Amino acid sequence: MAQRNRVEALDRIHVPSVDGRAVPLRALADPGMETGPARIERHDRERSVTLTAYVGTGHLTGAVTQAAFDRVRGAVRLPAGYTIALGGEAEEQESGNAGMTAAAIVACLGILAVLVMEFGRFRLVAVVASIIPLGLLGAVLALWLTGNSLSFTAMIGLIALIGIEIKNSILLVDFTEQLRGQGIAMREAIEQAGEMRFLPVLLTSVTAIGGLLPLAMGGSGLYGPMAVAIIGGLIASTLLSRVATPVVYLLLARTGEAS
């Protein structure tokens, strides 16, 4: 066994040539002892070296990853043919954002289809959907104020926020339509609906915000941005819908009557 582990043992190996003769291995190569890697890893059929790290609590994964990547790329000069690329959560987030865009479009179209089936008039659908930009504005502002980025989980929070906003707006618009069906004048119906439905809308938003506060304040770099986006959007939409939804309803109702 000891002799087999020596380089001289390779001298006894012969390689068959084209004409059938046995050629000693040393005539074709120069065997020797050198150090080498214990394991060779490959990614996309190319040799690779993976460096793994975990982000501590209270830090954003995307921000820390990008800062480390920029620092390494600026400090290390790679030879020709070598590249540095991000993997792990950053790679999954990049691939997931493409699918999330399609999912968001499908979700919005589904919500609009349900609203059309419920109200039967595009004018009322426009009134209900008018609250969406206000919530999204509040969500983006909350992310900016807290130093969070528009990550993959934050986009999931935006989609969930749209559903909550629509539900609150439906309460107001549907009750306004009920009052108008009872013969109450349009302006009076809008005022009564705003007064009588504001408390249920407010309590719904406060309950959701209270449930999301521990998640937003927990310092999680993964789920924290999602909670912050929903909370910021709910605060903005709840306060602004008090004015925006009745105004949009009144303007579109007058336009419909005039036409």
C-alpha atoms as a PDB file:
ATOM      1  CA  MET A   1       0.000   0.000   0.000  1.00  0.00           C
ATOM      2  CA  ALA A   2       2.859   2.372   0.862  1.00  0.00           C
ATOM      3  CA  GLN A   3       4.462   1.795  -2.546  1.00  0.00           C
ATOM      4  CA  ARG A   4       1.200   2.581  -4.322  1.00  0.00           C
ATOM      5  CA  ASN A   5       1.125   6.013  -2.680  1.00  0.00           C
ATOM      6  CA  ARG A   6       4.541   6.971  -4.095  1.00  0.00           C
ATOM      7  CA  VAL A   7       5.095   8.800  -7.383  1.00  0.00           C
ATOM      8  CA  GLU A   8       7.534   6.114  -8.522  1.00  0.00           C
ATOM      9  CA  ALA A   9       4.613   3.678  -8.679  1.00  0.00           C
ATOM     10  CA  LEU A  10       3.374   5.516 -11.762  1.00  0.00           C
ATOM     11  CA  ASP A  11       6.489   4.396 -13.651  1.00  0.00           C
ATOM     12  CA  ARG A  12       4.994   0.900 -13.825  1.00  0.00           C
ATOM     13  CA  ILE A  13       1.933   2.177 -15.684  1.00  0.00           C
ATOM     14  CA  HIS A  14       1.938   1.745 -19.472  1.00  0.00           C
ATOM     15  CA  VAL A  15      -0.465   3.380 -21.910  1.00  0.00           C
ATOM     16  CA  PRO A  16      -1.404   1.607 -25.174  1.00  0.00           C
ATOM     17  CA  SER A  17      -0.434   3.569 -28.293  1.00  0.00           C
ATOM     18  CA  VAL A  18      -2.084   3.714 -31.705  1.00  0.00           C
ATOM     19  CA  ASP A  19       0.062   0.876 -33.072  1.00  0.00           C
ATOM     20  CA  GLY A  20      -0.691  -1.326 -30.061  1.00  0.00           C
ATOM     21  CA  ARG A  21       2.593  -0.899 -28.218  1.00  0.00           C
ATOM     22  CA  ALA A  22       2.677  -0.171 -24.493  1.00  0.00           C
ATOM     23  CA  VAL A  23       4.268   3.211 -23.827  1.00  0.00           C
ATOM     24  CA  PRO A  24       5.442   4.083 -20.296  1.00  0.00           C
ATOM     25  CA  LEU A  25       3.447   6.861 -18.680  1.00  0.00           C
ATOM     26  CA  ARG A  26       6.630   8.840 -17.955  1.00  0.00           C
ATOM     27  CA  ALA A  27       7.278   9.053 -21.701  1.00  0.00           C
ATOM     28  CA  LEU A  28       4.013  10.947 -22.105  1.00  0.00           C
ATOM     29  CA  ALA A  29       3.835  12.940 -18.863  1.00  0.00           C
ATOM     30  CA  ASP A  30       5.944  14.118 -15.952  1.00  0.00           C
ATOM     31  CA  PRO A  31       4.220  12.787 -12.797  1.00  0.00           C
ATOM     32  CA  GLY A  32       4.773  14.734  -9.588  1.00  0.00           C
ATOM     33  CA  MET A  33       3.221  15.665  -6.221  1.00  0.00           C
ATOM     34  CA  GLU A  34       1.372  18.972  -5.896  1.00  0.00           C
ATOM     35  CA  THR A  35      -1.298  20.394  -3.600  1.00  0.00           C
ATOM     36  CA  GLY A  36      -4.829  20.885  -4.910  1.00  0.00           C
ATOM     37  CA  PRO A  37      -8.336  21.644  -3.704  1.00  0.00           C
ATOM     38  CA  ALA A  38     -10.080  18.919  -1.742  1.00  0.00           C
ATOM     39  CA  ARG A  39     -13.304  19.595  -3.616  1.00  0.00           C
ATOM     40  CA  ILE A  40     -14.100  21.399  -6.854  1.00  0.00           C
ATOM     41  CA  GLU A  41     -17.469  23.156  -6.975  1.00  0.00           C
ATOM     42  CA  ARG A  42     -19.136  24.133 -10.227  1.00  0.00           C
ATOM     43  CA  HIS A  43     -21.959  26.532 -11.097  1.00  0.00           C
ATOM     44  CA  ASP A  44     -23.385  26.475 -14.620  1.00  0.00           C
ATOM     45  CA  ARG A  45     -20.549  24.088 -15.585  1.00  0.00           C
ATOM     46  CA  GLU A  46     -17.862  26.534 -14.486  1.00  0.00           C
ATOM     47  CA  ARG A  47     -15.635  26.315 -11.436  1.00  0.00           C
ATOM     48  CA  SER A  48     -16.873  28.476  -8.593  1.00  0.00           C
ATOM     49  CA  VAL A  49     -16.073  29.466  -5.027  1.00  0.00           C
ATOM     50  CA  THR A  50     -19.008  30.345  -2.769  1.00  0.00           C
ATOM     51  CA  LEU A  51     -18.768  32.764   0.153  1.00  0.00           C
ATOM     52  CA  THR A  52     -21.750  32.579   2.528  1.00  0.00           C
ATOM     53  CA  ALA A  53     -22.734  35.121   5.187  1.00  0.00           C
ATOM     54  CA  TYR A  54     -25.798  35.892   7.284  1.00  0.00           C
ATOM     55  CA  VAL A  55     -27.165  39.366   7.940  1.00  0.00           C
ATOM     56  CA  GLY A  56     -27.702  40.263  11.582  1.00  0.00           C
ATOM     57  CA  THR A  57     -31.013  41.330  13.058  1.00  0.00           C
ATOM     58  CA  GLY A  58     -31.975  44.920  12.349  1.00  0.00           C
ATOM     59  CA  HIS A  59     -30.130  45.157   9.042  1.00  0.00           C
ATOM     60  CA  LEU A  60     -31.620  45.011   5.563  1.00  0.00           C
ATOM     61  CA  THR A  61     -30.414  42.016   3.595  1.00  0.00           C
ATOM     62  CA  GLY A  62     -30.514  43.814   0.260  1.00  0.00           C
ATOM     63  CA  ALA A  63     -28.621  46.872   1.501  1.00  0.00           C
ATOM     64  CA  VAL A  64     -25.909  44.858   3.274  1.00  0.00           C
ATOM     65  CA  THR A  65     -25.477  42.501   0.323  1.00  0.00           C
ATOM     66  CA  GLN A  66     -25.162  45.327  -2.185  1.00  0.00           C
ATOM     67  CA  ALA A  67     -22.707  47.248   0.025  1.00  0.00           C
ATOM     68  CA  ALA A  68     -20.509  44.166   0.467  1.00  0.00           C
ATOM     69  CA  PHE A  69     -20.682  43.381  -3.242  1.00  0.00           C
ATOM     70  CA  ASP A  70     -19.664  46.917  -4.236  1.00  0.00           C
ATOM     71  CA  ARG A  71     -16.802  46.913  -1.734  1.00  0.00           C
ATOM     72  CA  VAL A  72     -15.417  43.562  -2.901  1.00  0.00           C
ATOM     73  CA  ARG A  73     -15.774  44.473  -6.553  1.00  0.00           C
ATOM     74  CA  GLY A  74     -13.903  47.732  -5.985  1.00  0.00           C
ATOM     75  CA  ALA A  75     -11.122  46.218  -3.857  1.00  0.00           C
ATOM     76  CA  VAL A  76     -10.413  42.997  -5.752  1.00  0.00           C
ATOM     77  CA  ARG A  77      -8.948  43.059  -9.262  1.00  0.00           C
ATOM     78  CA  LEU A  78      -9.860  39.767 -10.890  1.00  0.00           C
ATOM     79  CA  PRO A  79      -7.815  38.084 -13.632  1.00  0.00           C
ATOM     80  CA  ALA A  80      -9.295  37.672 -17.086  1.00  0.00           C
ATOM     81  CA  GLY A  81     -12.113  35.136 -17.168  1.00  0.00           C
ATOM     82  CA  TYR A  82     -13.060  35.545 -13.495  1.00  0.00           C
ATOM     83  CA  THR A  83     -16.342  37.141 -12.379  1.00  0.00           C
ATOM     84  CA  ILE A  84     -18.157  37.946  -9.132  1.00  0.00           C
ATOM     85  CA  ALA A  85     -21.919  37.455  -8.876  1.00  0.00           C
ATOM     86  CA  LEU A  86     -24.519  37.580  -6.133  1.00  0.00           C
ATOM     87  CA  GLY A  87     -26.391  34.430  -5.179  1.00  0.00           C
ATOM     88  CA  GLY A  88     -28.669  33.201  -2.443  1.00  0.00           C
ATOM     89  CA  GLU A  89     -31.485  35.527  -1.429  1.00  0.00           C
ATOM     90  CA  ALA A  90     -30.334  38.292  -3.791  1.00  0.00           C
ATOM     91  CA  GLU A  91     -30.496  35.934  -6.767  1.00  0.00           C
ATOM     92  CA  GLU A  92     -33.881  34.577  -5.700  1.00  0.00           C
ATOM     93  CA  GLN A  93     -35.224  38.093  -5.220  1.00  0.00           C
ATOM     94  CA  GLU A  94     -34.130  39.130  -8.704  1.00  0.00           C
ATOM     95  CA  SER A  95     -35.825  36.130 -10.292  1.00  0.00           C
ATOM     96  CA  GLY A  96     -38.871  36.522  -8.061  1.00  0.00           C
ATOM     97  CA  ASN A  97     -39.420  40.175  -8.965  1.00  0.00           C
ATOM     98  CA  ALA A  98     -40.124  39.224 -12.565  1.00  0.00           C
ATOM     99  CA  GLY A  99     -42.786  36.755 -11.489  1.00  0.00           C
ATOM    100  CA  MET A 100     -44.165  39.187  -8.925  1.00  0.00           C
ATOM    101  CA  THR A 101     -44.876  41.775 -11.616  1.00  0.00           C
ATOM    102  CA  ALA A 102     -47.046  39.312 -13.514  1.00  0.00           C
ATOM    103  CA  ALA A 103     -48.751  38.220 -10.288  1.00  0.00           C
ATOM    104  CA  ALA A 104     -49.513  41.838  -9.362  1.00  0.00           C
ATOM    105  CA  ILE A 105     -51.086  42.489 -12.765  1.00  0.00           C
ATOM    106  CA  VAL A 106     -53.225  39.354 -12.506  1.00  0.00           C
ATOM    107  CA  ALA A 107     -54.280  40.286  -8.953  1.00  0.00           C
ATOM    108  CA  CYS A 108     -55.309  43.811  -9.985  1.00  0.00           C
ATOM    109  CA  LEU A 109     -57.267  42.529 -12.978  1.00  0.00           C
ATOM    110  CA  GLY A 110     -58.982  39.985 -10.750  1.00  0.00           C
ATOM    111  CA  ILE A 111     -59.956  42.677  -8.246  1.00  0.00           C
ATOM    112  CA  LEU A 112     -61.343  44.901 -10.998  1.00  0.00           C
ATOM    113  CA  ALA A 113     -63.325  41.980 -12.438  1.00  0.00           C
ATOM    114  CA  VAL A 114     -64.901  41.273  -9.045  1.00  0.00           C
ATOM    115  CA  LEU A 115     -65.776  44.958  -8.611  1.00  0.00           C
ATOM    116  CA  VAL A 116     -67.414  45.092 -12.032  1.00  0.00           C
ATOM    117  CA  MET A 117     -69.505  42.036 -11.180  1.00  0.00           C
ATOM    118  CA  GLU A 118     -70.480  43.530  -7.820  1.00  0.00           C
ATOM    119  CA  PHE A 119     -71.402  47.069  -8.892  1.00  0.00           C
ATOM    120  CA  GLY A 120     -72.133  46.553 -12.581  1.00  0.00           C
ATOM    121  CA  ARG A 121     -70.957  50.075 -13.429  1.00  0.00           C
ATOM    122  CA  PHE A 122     -67.452  51.185 -14.290  1.00  0.00           C
ATOM    123  CA  ARG A 123     -68.080  54.553 -12.662  1.00  0.00           C
ATOM    124  CA  LEU A 124     -68.441  52.961  -9.221  1.00  0.00           C
ATOM    125  CA  VAL A 125     -65.469  50.716  -9.903  1.00  0.00           C
ATOM    126  CA  ALA A 126     -63.392  53.833 -10.613  1.00  0.00           C
ATOM    127  CA  VAL A 127     -64.566  55.372  -7.333  1.00  0.00           C
ATOM    128  CA  VAL A 128     -63.583  52.274  -5.356  1.00  0.00           C
ATOM    129  CA  ALA A 129     -60.224  51.929  -7.127  1.00  0.00           C
ATOM    130  CA  SER A 130     -59.371  55.622  -6.703  1.00  0.00           C
ATOM    131  CA  ILE A 131     -58.093  54.897  -3.202  1.00  0.00           C
ATOM    132  CA  ILE A 132     -55.332  52.575  -4.469  1.00  0.00           C
ATOM    133  CA  PRO A 133     -52.788  55.291  -5.473  1.00  0.00           C
ATOM    134  CA  LEU A 134     -53.165  56.970  -2.075  1.00  0.00           C
ATOM    135  CA  GLY A 135     -52.318  53.772  -0.232  1.00  0.00           C
ATOM    136  CA  LEU A 136     -49.380  52.987  -2.490  1.00  0.00           C
ATOM    137  CA  LEU A 137     -48.050  56.504  -1.961  1.00  0.00           C
ATOM    138  CA  GLY A 138     -48.266  56.069   1.804  1.00  0.00           C
ATOM    139  CA  ALA A 139     -46.558  52.673   1.609  1.00  0.00           C
ATOM    140  CA  VAL A 140     -43.626  53.967  -0.450  1.00  0.00           C
ATOM    141  CA  LEU A 141     -43.283  56.977   1.849  1.00  0.00           C
ATOM    142  CA  ALA A 142     -43.252  54.714   4.923  1.00  0.00           C
ATOM    143  CA  LEU A 143     -40.556  52.521   3.380  1.00  0.00           C
ATOM    144  CA  TRP A 144     -38.463  55.596   2.594  1.00  0.00           C
ATOM    145  CA  LEU A 145     -38.849  57.099   6.072  1.00  0.00           C
ATOM    146  CA  THR A 146     -37.858  53.848   7.784  1.00  0.00           C
ATOM    147  CA  GLY A 147     -34.902  53.226   5.482  1.00  0.00           C
ATOM    148  CA  ASN A 148     -36.387  50.097   3.929  1.00  0.00           C
ATOM    149  CA  SER A 149     -36.090  49.177   0.282  1.00  0.00           C
ATOM    150  CA  LEU A 150     -38.805  48.026  -2.089  1.00  0.00           C
ATOM    151  CA  SER A 151     -37.890  44.375  -1.621  1.00  0.00           C
ATOM    152  CA  PHE A 152     -39.680  41.230  -2.717  1.00  0.00           C
ATOM    153  CA  THR A 153     -41.629  40.962   0.536  1.00  0.00           C
ATOM    154  CA  ALA A 154     -42.497  44.674   0.401  1.00  0.00           C
ATOM    155  CA  MET A 155     -44.090  44.108  -3.001  1.00  0.00           C
ATOM    156  CA  ILE A 156     -46.137  41.286  -1.496  1.00  0.00           C
ATOM    157  CA  GLY A 157     -47.249  43.763   1.158  1.00  0.00           C
ATOM    158  CA  LEU A 158     -48.324  46.224  -1.548  1.00  0.00           C
ATOM    159  CA  ILE A 159     -50.538  43.585  -3.154  1.00  0.00           C
ATOM    160  CA  ALA A 160     -52.092  42.746   0.216  1.00  0.00           C
ATOM    161  CA  LEU A 161     -52.558  46.468   0.871  1.00  0.00           C
ATOM    162  CA  ILE A 162     -54.575  46.884  -2.328  1.00  0.00           C
ATOM    163  CA  GLY A 163     -57.007  44.217  -1.152  1.00  0.00           C
ATOM    164  CA  ILE A 164     -57.500  45.873   2.235  1.00  0.00           C
ATOM    165  CA  GLU A 165     -57.955  49.304   0.654  1.00  0.00           C
ATOM    166  CA  ILE A 166     -60.556  48.002  -1.771  1.00  0.00           C
ATOM    167  CA  LYS A 167     -62.515  46.383   1.044  1.00  0.00           C
ATOM    168  CA  ASN A 168     -62.654  49.619   3.026  1.00  0.00           C
ATOM    169  CA  SER A 169     -63.645  51.633  -0.035  1.00  0.00           C
ATOM    170  CA  ILE A 170     -66.409  49.158  -0.886  1.00  0.00           C
ATOM    171  CA  LEU A 171     -67.973  49.734   2.535  1.00  0.00           C
ATOM    172  CA  LEU A 172     -68.291  53.450   1.833  1.00  0.00           C
ATOM    173  CA  VAL A 173     -69.407  53.292  -1.797  1.00  0.00           C
ATOM    174  CA  ASP A 174     -71.892  50.463  -1.297  1.00  0.00           C
ATOM    175  CA  PHE A 175     -73.553  52.208   1.644  1.00  0.00           C
ATOM    176  CA  THR A 176     -73.757  55.428  -0.375  1.00  0.00           C
ATOM    177  CA  GLU A 177     -75.565  53.532  -3.125  1.00  0.00           C
ATOM    178  CA  GLN A 178     -77.973  52.063  -0.579  1.00  0.00           C
ATOM    179  CA  LEU A 179     -78.838  55.516   0.749  1.00  0.00           C
ATOM    180  CA  ARG A 180     -79.365  56.876  -2.752  1.00  0.00           C
ATOM    181  CA  GLY A 181     -81.629  53.922  -3.474  1.00  0.00           C
ATOM    182  CA  GLN A 182     -83.781  55.042  -0.536  1.00  0.00           C
ATOM    183  CA  GLY A 183     -84.355  58.392  -2.238  1.00  0.00           C
ATOM    184  CA  ILE A 184     -81.775  60.443  -0.331  1.00  0.00           C
ATOM    185  CA  ALA A 185     -80.062  63.209  -2.314  1.00  0.00           C
ATOM    186  CA  MET A 186     -76.578  62.468  -3.614  1.00  0.00           C
ATOM    187  CA  ARG A 187     -74.632  64.964  -1.496  1.00  0.00           C
ATOM    188  CA  GLU A 188     -76.546  64.042   1.658  1.00  0.00           C
ATOM    189  CA  ALA A 189     -76.044  60.328   0.950  1.00  0.00           C
ATOM    190  CA  ILE A 190     -72.306  60.865   0.561  1.00  0.00           C
ATOM    191  CA  GLU A 191     -72.111  62.801   3.832  1.00  0.00           C
ATOM    192  CA  GLN A 192     -74.131  60.224   5.781  1.00  0.00           C
ATOM    193  CA  ALA A 193     -72.138  57.313   4.372  1.00  0.00           C
ATOM    194  CA  GLY A 194     -68.874  59.040   5.254  1.00  0.00           C
ATOM    195  CA  GLU A 195     -69.995  59.620   8.840  1.00  0.00           C
ATOM    196  CA  MET A 196     -71.592  56.221   9.450  1.00  0.00           C
ATOM    197  CA  ARG A 197     -68.974  54.048   7.721  1.00  0.00           C
ATOM    198  CA  PHE A 198     -65.846  55.883   8.790  1.00  0.00           C
ATOM    199  CA  LEU A 199     -65.727  54.187  12.204  1.00  0.00           C
ATOM    200  CA  PRO A 200     -65.914  50.611  10.813  1.00  0.00           C
ATOM    201  CA  VAL A 201     -63.240  51.479   8.256  1.00  0.00           C
ATOM    202  CA  LEU A 202     -61.070  53.065  10.952  1.00  0.00           C
ATOM    203  CA  LEU A 203     -61.425  50.088  13.304  1.00  0.00           C
ATOM    204  CA  THR A 204     -60.567  47.663  10.510  1.00  0.00           C
ATOM    205  CA  SER A 205     -57.400  49.588   9.686  1.00  0.00           C
ATOM    206  CA  VAL A 206     -56.401  50.030  13.332  1.00  0.00           C
ATOM    207  CA  THR A 207     -56.835  46.296  13.959  1.00  0.00           C
ATOM    208  CA  ALA A 208     -54.667  45.424  10.964  1.00  0.00           C
ATOM    209  CA  ILE A 209     -52.023  47.968  11.966  1.00  0.00           C
ATOM    210  CA  GLY A 210     -51.956  46.647  15.534  1.00  0.00           C
ATOM    211  CA  GLY A 211     -51.419  43.117  14.303  1.00  0.00           C
ATOM    212  CA  LEU A 212     -48.569  44.170  12.019  1.00  0.00           C
ATOM    213  CA  LEU A 213     -46.722  46.393  14.503  1.00  0.00           C
ATOM    214  CA  PRO A 214     -44.756  43.547  16.180  1.00  0.00           C
ATOM    215  CA  LEU A 215     -43.627  42.354  12.766  1.00  0.00           C
ATOM    216  CA  ALA A 216     -42.608  45.857  11.693  1.00  0.00           C
ATOM    217  CA  MET A 217     -40.754  46.580  14.943  1.00  0.00           C
ATOM    218  CA  GLY A 218     -39.136  43.161  15.252  1.00  0.00           C
ATOM    219  CA  GLY A 219     -36.146  44.141  13.133  1.00  0.00           C
ATOM    220  CA  SER A 220     -36.644  41.382  10.583  1.00  0.00           C
ATOM    221  CA  GLY A 221     -34.939  42.273   7.324  1.00  0.00           C
ATOM    222  CA  LEU A 222     -37.216  39.879   5.454  1.00  0.00           C
ATOM    223  CA  TYR A 223     -40.735  40.535   6.763  1.00  0.00           C
ATOM    224  CA  GLY A 224     -40.228  43.988   8.278  1.00  0.00           C
ATOM    225  CA  PRO A 225     -40.546  45.884   4.959  1.00  0.00           C
ATOM    226  CA  MET A 226     -43.786  44.047   4.170  1.00  0.00           C
ATOM    227  CA  ALA A 227     -45.349  45.108   7.469  1.00  0.00           C
ATOM    228  CA  VAL A 228     -44.079  48.688   7.107  1.00  0.00           C
ATOM    229  CA  ALA A 229     -45.545  48.948   3.604  1.00  0.00           C
ATOM    230  CA  ILE A 230     -48.975  47.751   4.730  1.00  0.00           C
ATOM    231  CA  ILE A 231     -49.017  49.981   7.817  1.00  0.00           C
ATOM    232  CA  GLY A 232     -47.967  53.088   5.894  1.00  0.00           C
ATOM    233  CA  GLY A 233     -50.486  52.421   3.161  1.00  0.00           C
ATOM    234  CA  LEU A 234     -53.333  51.833   5.620  1.00  0.00           C
ATOM    235  CA  ILE A 235     -52.617  55.051   7.509  1.00  0.00           C
ATOM    236  CA  ALA A 236     -52.538  57.098   4.309  1.00  0.00           C
ATOM    237  CA  SER A 237     -55.572  55.492   2.688  1.00  0.00           C
ATOM    238  CA  THR A 238     -57.692  55.598   5.854  1.00  0.00           C
ATOM    239  CA  LEU A 239     -57.076  59.291   6.424  1.00  0.00           C
ATOM    240  CA  LEU A 240     -57.164  60.441   2.803  1.00  0.00           C
ATOM    241  CA  SER A 241     -60.160  58.311   1.822  1.00  0.00           C
ATOM    242  CA  ARG A 242     -62.221  60.428   4.197  1.00  0.00           C
ATOM    243  CA  VAL A 243     -61.929  63.205   1.597  1.00  0.00           C
ATOM    244  CA  ALA A 244     -60.795  61.570  -1.649  1.00  0.00           C
ATOM    245  CA  THR A 245     -63.482  58.900  -2.037  1.00  0.00           C
ATOM    246  CA  PRO A 246     -66.487  61.239  -1.522  1.00  0.00           C
ATOM    247  CA  VAL A 247     -64.970  63.826  -3.871  1.00  0.00           C
ATOM    248  CA  VAL A 248     -64.308  61.274  -6.619  1.00  0.00           C
ATOM    249  CA  TYR A 249     -67.791  59.823  -6.148  1.00  0.00           C
ATOM    250  CA  LEU A 250     -69.395  63.250  -6.440  1.00  0.00           C
ATOM    251  CA  LEU A 251     -67.380  64.239  -9.521  1.00  0.00           C
ATOM    252  CA  LEU A 252     -67.997  60.995 -11.388  1.00  0.00           C
ATOM    253  CA  ALA A 253     -71.674  60.966 -10.418  1.00  0.00           C
ATOM    254  CA  ARG A 254     -72.153  64.474 -11.792  1.00  0.00           C
ATOM    255  CA  THR A 255     -70.292  63.539 -14.961  1.00  0.00           C
ATOM    256  CA  GLY A 256     -72.517  60.497 -15.409  1.00  0.00           C
ATOM    257  CA  GLU A 257     -75.695  62.494 -14.875  1.00  0.00           C
ATOM    258  CA  ALA A 258     -74.553  65.219 -17.258  1.00  0.00           C
ATOM    259  CA  SER A 259     -73.837  62.694 -19.991  1.00  0.00           C
END
